[in-house]
Each structure stands twice: as C-alpha cells, then as structure tokens.
Amino acid sequence: MGYMSKQWLNRGRGIRDKSHRVDAVSVSCASCGTVWLKEKGIRVEFRARKGNGEYQELLLSETEINDSLRVLIRYASVDMREKVMLTLMRELSDRKLLRLLALDLRKRRLRLPRQS
C-alpha cells in the first residue's frame, strides 16, 4: 500500500498555507504501452489507484528513471537487489563483467583495514 497526496503541493509558492492529506493507494508499474507515450519519450508508467477505482498516473522518461533508480535500488529488499544485479550481469559481455568485478574488488581492497 502506498500513499498519494490529493492535490498539487507548493502551488502557491508559500503564499497559501493550506494543509493537505494523503489517501491510501495501491501502486503498480508497467512499461509504456501506447505509441503516443513512446513518441513522447515515456518509458514507464506508475499508476496509483484508490479503492473506489479512481487513479492517477506518473509517466517517467529514461532520464527520470535514471535519476530515481539509485534511490529505488537502495530501499529495495536484498532479494530484489540480487535479482536486479543478476539480470544486469547477464546483459553484459564477459569482458565488461570481468572489468566491473575487478574494479569492485580493487575498491573493496582499499576499504579493508590494514593489518599490523
């Protein structure tokens, strides 16, 4: 269950001081399906649906997805992060995969405490 505000916030740029409340919604996500969305550069659509069937959509371009992904991955479960990592690793060539693993191992070695 997610939550969504019922109005645009900061519309009055501080002039109006109206409170807002949130409604419980179920959130789904899918790749865009229509030609129009693809022509506009939209790659993903989030839909927040209330119990009575009303819904709002959030449409994201590749740039917006990239900007959001770091935060989404950070708060995803370990299981989901592992699944994402495996999916991404399968898309890499062997050469790129080995290069990334070597880079990560170097960074990890630099972080290790020195043995006296």
N, C-alpha and C. Protein backbone atom coordinates (compact mmCIF):
# COMPACT_ATOMS: atom_id res chain seq x y z
N MET A 1 0.86 -1.17 0.00
CA MET A 1 0.00 0.00 0.00
C MET A 1 0.90 1.23 0.00
N GLY A 2 0.62 2.14 -0.89
CA GLY A 2 1.33 3.41 -0.95
C GLY A 2 0.38 4.54 -0.59
N TYR A 3 0.89 5.74 -0.63
CA TYR A 3 0.07 6.90 -0.33
C TYR A 3 0.35 7.99 -1.34
N MET A 4 -0.67 8.77 -1.65
CA MET A 4 -0.56 9.82 -2.65
C MET A 4 -1.27 11.06 -2.13
N SER A 5 -0.65 12.23 -2.35
CA SER A 5 -1.30 13.46 -1.92
C SER A 5 -2.49 13.76 -2.82
N LYS A 6 -3.45 14.44 -2.29
CA LYS A 6 -4.70 14.70 -3.00
C LYS A 6 -4.66 15.96 -3.85
N GLN A 7 -3.60 16.73 -3.76
CA GLN A 7 -3.55 17.97 -4.52
C GLN A 7 -2.11 18.28 -4.87
N TRP A 8 -1.94 19.20 -5.81
CA TRP A 8 -0.60 19.67 -6.12
C TRP A 8 -0.08 20.46 -4.94
N LEU A 9 1.12 20.15 -4.52
CA LEU A 9 1.71 20.84 -3.37
C LEU A 9 2.57 21.99 -3.86
N ASN A 10 2.74 22.99 -3.04
CA ASN A 10 3.58 24.15 -3.33
C ASN A 10 3.05 24.97 -4.51
N ARG A 11 1.79 24.85 -4.81
CA ARG A 11 1.21 25.61 -5.92
C ARG A 11 1.27 27.11 -5.65
N GLY A 12 1.05 27.49 -4.38
CA GLY A 12 1.04 28.90 -4.04
C GLY A 12 2.41 29.45 -3.69
N ARG A 13 3.45 28.65 -3.81
CA ARG A 13 4.82 29.06 -3.50
C ARG A 13 4.91 29.75 -2.14
N GLY A 14 4.23 29.17 -1.17
CA GLY A 14 4.30 29.70 0.19
C GLY A 14 3.29 30.78 0.49
N ILE A 15 2.56 31.27 -0.51
CA ILE A 15 1.59 32.33 -0.29
C ILE A 15 0.38 31.77 0.46
N ARG A 16 -0.09 30.62 -0.03
CA ARG A 16 -1.23 29.98 0.63
C ARG A 16 -0.70 28.93 1.60
N ASP A 17 -1.32 28.82 2.72
CA ASP A 17 -0.91 27.83 3.70
C ASP A 17 -2.06 26.85 3.90
N LYS A 18 -2.33 26.04 2.90
CA LYS A 18 -3.41 25.06 3.02
C LYS A 18 -2.80 23.71 3.36
N SER A 19 -3.44 23.01 4.26
CA SER A 19 -2.95 21.68 4.60
C SER A 19 -3.37 20.69 3.52
N HIS A 20 -2.72 19.58 3.51
CA HIS A 20 -3.09 18.52 2.57
C HIS A 20 -3.13 17.20 3.32
N ARG A 21 -3.78 16.23 2.74
CA ARG A 21 -3.81 14.91 3.35
C ARG A 21 -3.48 13.89 2.27
N VAL A 22 -3.19 12.70 2.71
CA VAL A 22 -2.85 11.65 1.75
C VAL A 22 -3.92 10.57 1.79
N ASP A 23 -4.09 9.88 0.68
CA ASP A 23 -5.00 8.75 0.57
C ASP A 23 -4.20 7.49 0.36
N ALA A 24 -4.69 6.39 0.89
CA ALA A 24 -4.07 5.10 0.65
C ALA A 24 -4.35 4.68 -0.79
N VAL A 25 -3.33 4.20 -1.47
CA VAL A 25 -3.46 3.76 -2.86
C VAL A 25 -2.65 2.48 -3.04
N SER A 26 -3.02 1.72 -4.06
CA SER A 26 -2.16 0.62 -4.48
C SER A 26 -1.41 1.11 -5.71
N VAL A 27 -0.13 0.81 -5.77
CA VAL A 27 0.72 1.34 -6.83
C VAL A 27 1.17 0.20 -7.73
N SER A 28 1.01 0.40 -9.02
CA SER A 28 1.51 -0.58 -9.99
C SER A 28 2.43 0.14 -10.96
N CYS A 29 3.27 -0.63 -11.62
CA CYS A 29 4.24 -0.06 -12.53
C CYS A 29 4.31 -0.95 -13.77
N ALA A 30 4.38 -0.33 -14.94
CA ALA A 30 4.47 -1.09 -16.19
C ALA A 30 5.22 -0.28 -17.22
N SER A 31 5.77 -0.96 -18.21
CA SER A 31 6.38 -0.23 -19.31
C SER A 31 5.26 0.41 -20.12
N CYS A 32 5.57 1.52 -20.78
CA CYS A 32 4.53 2.24 -21.51
C CYS A 32 4.00 1.39 -22.65
N GLY A 33 2.72 1.58 -22.94
CA GLY A 33 2.09 0.71 -23.91
C GLY A 33 1.60 1.37 -25.18
N THR A 34 1.46 2.67 -25.19
CA THR A 34 0.87 3.31 -26.37
C THR A 34 1.94 3.98 -27.22
N VAL A 35 1.64 4.13 -28.47
CA VAL A 35 2.54 4.80 -29.40
C VAL A 35 2.77 6.24 -28.97
N TRP A 36 1.71 6.93 -28.53
CA TRP A 36 1.83 8.32 -28.12
C TRP A 36 2.85 8.46 -26.99
N LEU A 37 2.77 7.59 -25.96
CA LEU A 37 3.71 7.65 -24.85
C LEU A 37 5.14 7.43 -25.33
N LYS A 38 5.32 6.46 -26.21
CA LYS A 38 6.66 6.18 -26.73
C LYS A 38 7.20 7.37 -27.53
N GLU A 39 6.34 8.00 -28.29
CA GLU A 39 6.76 9.18 -29.07
C GLU A 39 7.18 10.33 -28.15
N LYS A 40 6.57 10.42 -26.98
CA LYS A 40 6.90 11.47 -26.02
C LYS A 40 8.11 11.11 -25.16
N GLY A 41 8.69 9.94 -25.38
CA GLY A 41 9.86 9.53 -24.62
C GLY A 41 9.55 8.89 -23.28
N ILE A 42 8.30 8.53 -23.06
CA ILE A 42 7.90 7.90 -21.80
C ILE A 42 8.24 6.42 -21.88
N ARG A 43 8.89 5.93 -20.84
CA ARG A 43 9.30 4.52 -20.80
C ARG A 43 8.52 3.71 -19.77
N VAL A 44 8.12 4.38 -18.66
CA VAL A 44 7.47 3.67 -17.56
C VAL A 44 6.28 4.48 -17.09
N GLU A 45 5.22 3.78 -16.73
CA GLU A 45 4.08 4.46 -16.13
C GLU A 45 3.74 3.81 -14.78
N PHE A 46 3.65 4.66 -13.76
CA PHE A 46 3.19 4.24 -12.44
C PHE A 46 1.73 4.62 -12.35
N ARG A 47 0.92 3.75 -11.78
CA ARG A 47 -0.49 4.05 -11.57
C ARG A 47 -0.80 3.88 -10.09
N ALA A 48 -1.33 4.93 -9.48
CA ALA A 48 -1.76 4.91 -8.09
C ALA A 48 -3.29 4.85 -8.09
N ARG A 49 -3.84 3.74 -7.60
CA ARG A 49 -5.28 3.51 -7.67
C ARG A 49 -5.87 3.45 -6.26
N LYS A 50 -6.94 4.23 -6.06
CA LYS A 50 -7.67 4.20 -4.80
C LYS A 50 -8.66 3.04 -4.83
N GLY A 51 -9.19 2.72 -3.66
CA GLY A 51 -10.13 1.61 -3.54
C GLY A 51 -11.39 1.78 -4.38
N ASN A 52 -11.79 3.02 -4.66
CA ASN A 52 -13.01 3.25 -5.43
C ASN A 52 -12.78 3.25 -6.94
N GLY A 53 -11.55 2.92 -7.37
CA GLY A 53 -11.26 2.85 -8.80
C GLY A 53 -10.62 4.10 -9.38
N GLU A 54 -10.68 5.22 -8.68
CA GLU A 54 -10.01 6.43 -9.18
C GLU A 54 -8.50 6.18 -9.20
N TYR A 55 -7.84 6.80 -10.17
CA TYR A 55 -6.40 6.62 -10.23
C TYR A 55 -5.71 7.85 -10.81
N GLN A 56 -4.42 7.93 -10.54
CA GLN A 56 -3.57 8.93 -11.16
C GLN A 56 -2.35 8.20 -11.71
N GLU A 57 -1.75 8.78 -12.74
CA GLU A 57 -0.58 8.18 -13.36
C GLU A 57 0.62 9.10 -13.23
N LEU A 58 1.78 8.48 -13.13
CA LEU A 58 3.04 9.18 -13.16
C LEU A 58 3.83 8.56 -14.30
N LEU A 59 4.17 9.37 -15.31
CA LEU A 59 4.83 8.89 -16.51
C LEU A 59 6.28 9.35 -16.50
N LEU A 60 7.23 8.42 -16.63
CA LEU A 60 8.65 8.74 -16.50
C LEU A 60 9.41 8.49 -17.79
N SER A 61 10.29 9.44 -18.11
CA SER A 61 11.20 9.27 -19.24
C SER A 61 12.43 8.50 -18.76
N GLU A 62 13.30 8.15 -19.68
CA GLU A 62 14.52 7.43 -19.32
C GLU A 62 15.37 8.24 -18.35
N THR A 63 15.46 9.55 -18.57
CA THR A 63 16.24 10.42 -17.68
C THR A 63 15.67 10.39 -16.26
N GLU A 64 14.36 10.48 -16.14
CA GLU A 64 13.72 10.46 -14.83
C GLU A 64 13.87 9.10 -14.16
N ILE A 65 13.83 8.04 -14.94
CA ILE A 65 14.05 6.69 -14.39
C ILE A 65 15.46 6.60 -13.84
N ASN A 66 16.43 7.06 -14.63
CA ASN A 66 17.83 7.00 -14.19
C ASN A 66 18.05 7.80 -12.92
N ASP A 67 17.42 8.98 -12.82
CA ASP A 67 17.57 9.81 -11.64
C ASP A 67 16.95 9.15 -10.40
N SER A 68 15.91 8.36 -10.59
CA SER A 68 15.19 7.74 -9.47
C SER A 68 15.75 6.38 -9.08
N LEU A 69 16.41 5.72 -10.00
CA LEU A 69 16.80 4.33 -9.78
C LEU A 69 17.74 4.14 -8.60
N ARG A 70 18.68 5.07 -8.40
CA ARG A 70 19.61 4.94 -7.28
C ARG A 70 18.87 4.87 -5.94
N VAL A 71 17.85 5.68 -5.79
CA VAL A 71 17.07 5.68 -4.54
C VAL A 71 16.22 4.42 -4.45
N LEU A 72 15.57 4.03 -5.53
CA LEU A 72 14.71 2.84 -5.52
C LEU A 72 15.51 1.59 -5.18
N ILE A 73 16.67 1.44 -5.80
CA ILE A 73 17.50 0.26 -5.54
C ILE A 73 17.96 0.24 -4.09
N ARG A 74 18.31 1.40 -3.56
CA ARG A 74 18.81 1.48 -2.19
C ARG A 74 17.79 0.95 -1.18
N TYR A 75 16.51 1.20 -1.42
CA TYR A 75 15.49 0.80 -0.47
C TYR A 75 14.76 -0.48 -0.84
N ALA A 76 15.17 -1.11 -1.93
CA ALA A 76 14.59 -2.41 -2.30
C ALA A 76 15.15 -3.49 -1.37
N SER A 77 14.45 -4.59 -1.26
CA SER A 77 14.92 -5.69 -0.42
C SER A 77 16.21 -6.27 -1.00
N VAL A 78 16.97 -6.94 -0.16
CA VAL A 78 18.21 -7.57 -0.62
C VAL A 78 17.91 -8.58 -1.71
N ASP A 79 16.83 -9.33 -1.55
CA ASP A 79 16.44 -10.32 -2.55
C ASP A 79 16.19 -9.66 -3.91
N MET A 80 15.49 -8.53 -3.91
CA MET A 80 15.20 -7.85 -5.18
C MET A 80 16.47 -7.27 -5.78
N ARG A 81 17.35 -6.72 -4.94
CA ARG A 81 18.62 -6.18 -5.46
C ARG A 81 19.45 -7.27 -6.11
N GLU A 82 19.45 -8.46 -5.51
CA GLU A 82 20.18 -9.58 -6.10
C GLU A 82 19.59 -9.97 -7.45
N LYS A 83 18.27 -9.98 -7.55
CA LYS A 83 17.62 -10.31 -8.82
C LYS A 83 17.95 -9.28 -9.89
N VAL A 84 17.93 -8.00 -9.52
CA VAL A 84 18.28 -6.95 -10.47
C VAL A 84 19.72 -7.09 -10.92
N MET A 85 20.60 -7.34 -9.95
CA MET A 85 22.02 -7.48 -10.26
C MET A 85 22.25 -8.64 -11.23
N LEU A 86 21.61 -9.77 -10.98
CA LEU A 86 21.78 -10.92 -11.88
C LEU A 86 21.26 -10.61 -13.28
N THR A 87 20.14 -9.94 -13.36
CA THR A 87 19.59 -9.56 -14.66
C THR A 87 20.55 -8.65 -15.41
N LEU A 88 21.10 -7.66 -14.72
CA LEU A 88 22.02 -6.73 -15.36
C LEU A 88 23.32 -7.42 -15.76
N MET A 89 23.81 -8.31 -14.90
CA MET A 89 25.06 -9.01 -15.21
C MET A 89 24.92 -9.87 -16.46
N ARG A 90 23.76 -10.48 -16.64
CA ARG A 90 23.54 -11.34 -17.82
C ARG A 90 23.57 -10.55 -19.12
N GLU A 91 23.27 -9.25 -19.04
CA GLU A 91 23.25 -8.42 -20.23
C GLU A 91 24.64 -7.92 -20.62
N LEU A 92 25.62 -8.07 -19.73
CA LEU A 92 26.98 -7.61 -20.02
C LEU A 92 27.77 -8.67 -20.79
N SER A 93 28.68 -8.21 -21.60
CA SER A 93 29.61 -9.15 -22.23
C SER A 93 30.54 -9.67 -21.14
N ASP A 94 31.20 -10.79 -21.41
CA ASP A 94 32.13 -11.35 -20.44
C ASP A 94 33.22 -10.34 -20.09
N ARG A 95 33.71 -9.64 -21.10
CA ARG A 95 34.77 -8.66 -20.89
C ARG A 95 34.34 -7.54 -19.95
N LYS A 96 33.14 -6.97 -20.19
CA LYS A 96 32.65 -5.89 -19.33
C LYS A 96 32.37 -6.39 -17.92
N LEU A 97 31.84 -7.59 -17.80
CA LEU A 97 31.55 -8.16 -16.49
C LEU A 97 32.84 -8.33 -15.69
N LEU A 98 33.86 -8.90 -16.31
CA LEU A 98 35.13 -9.10 -15.60
C LEU A 98 35.77 -7.76 -15.22
N ARG A 99 35.65 -6.76 -16.09
CA ARG A 99 36.19 -5.44 -15.79
C ARG A 99 35.49 -4.82 -14.57
N LEU A 100 34.17 -4.93 -14.52
CA LEU A 100 33.42 -4.39 -13.39
C LEU A 100 33.75 -5.12 -12.09
N LEU A 101 33.86 -6.44 -12.16
CA LEU A 101 34.21 -7.22 -10.96
C LEU A 101 35.60 -6.85 -10.46
N ALA A 102 36.56 -6.69 -11.38
CA ALA A 102 37.92 -6.31 -10.98
C ALA A 102 37.92 -4.93 -10.33
N LEU A 103 37.18 -4.00 -10.90
CA LEU A 103 37.10 -2.65 -10.33
C LEU A 103 36.51 -2.69 -8.93
N ASP A 104 35.44 -3.46 -8.75
CA ASP A 104 34.80 -3.56 -7.44
C ASP A 104 35.74 -4.21 -6.43
N LEU A 105 36.45 -5.25 -6.83
CA LEU A 105 37.39 -5.90 -5.91
C LEU A 105 38.50 -4.95 -5.49
N ARG A 106 39.00 -4.13 -6.42
CA ARG A 106 40.02 -3.13 -6.08
C ARG A 106 39.49 -2.15 -5.04
N LYS A 107 38.26 -1.68 -5.25
CA LYS A 107 37.67 -0.72 -4.30
C LYS A 107 37.47 -1.37 -2.93
N ARG A 108 37.07 -2.61 -2.91
CA ARG A 108 36.87 -3.32 -1.64
C ARG A 108 38.20 -3.50 -0.91
N ARG A 109 39.24 -3.80 -1.64
CA ARG A 109 40.56 -3.98 -1.02
C ARG A 109 41.05 -2.69 -0.39
N LEU A 110 40.77 -1.56 -1.04
CA LEU A 110 41.18 -0.27 -0.49
C LEU A 110 40.44 0.07 0.80
N ARG A 111 39.25 -0.47 0.95
CA ARG A 111 38.44 -0.18 2.15
C ARG A 111 38.81 -1.07 3.33
N LEU A 112 39.50 -2.17 3.09
CA LEU A 112 39.85 -3.10 4.16
C LEU A 112 40.80 -2.43 5.15
N PRO A 113 40.62 -2.68 6.45
CA PRO A 113 41.56 -2.11 7.42
C PRO A 113 42.93 -2.78 7.27
N ARG A 114 43.96 -1.99 7.43
CA ARG A 114 45.33 -2.52 7.30
C ARG A 114 45.65 -3.41 8.50
N GLN A 115 46.30 -4.55 8.19
CA GLN A 115 46.74 -5.48 9.23
C GLN A 115 48.08 -5.03 9.79
N SER A 116 48.24 -5.00 11.11
CA SER A 116 49.50 -4.57 11.71
C SER A 116 50.41 -5.74 11.97
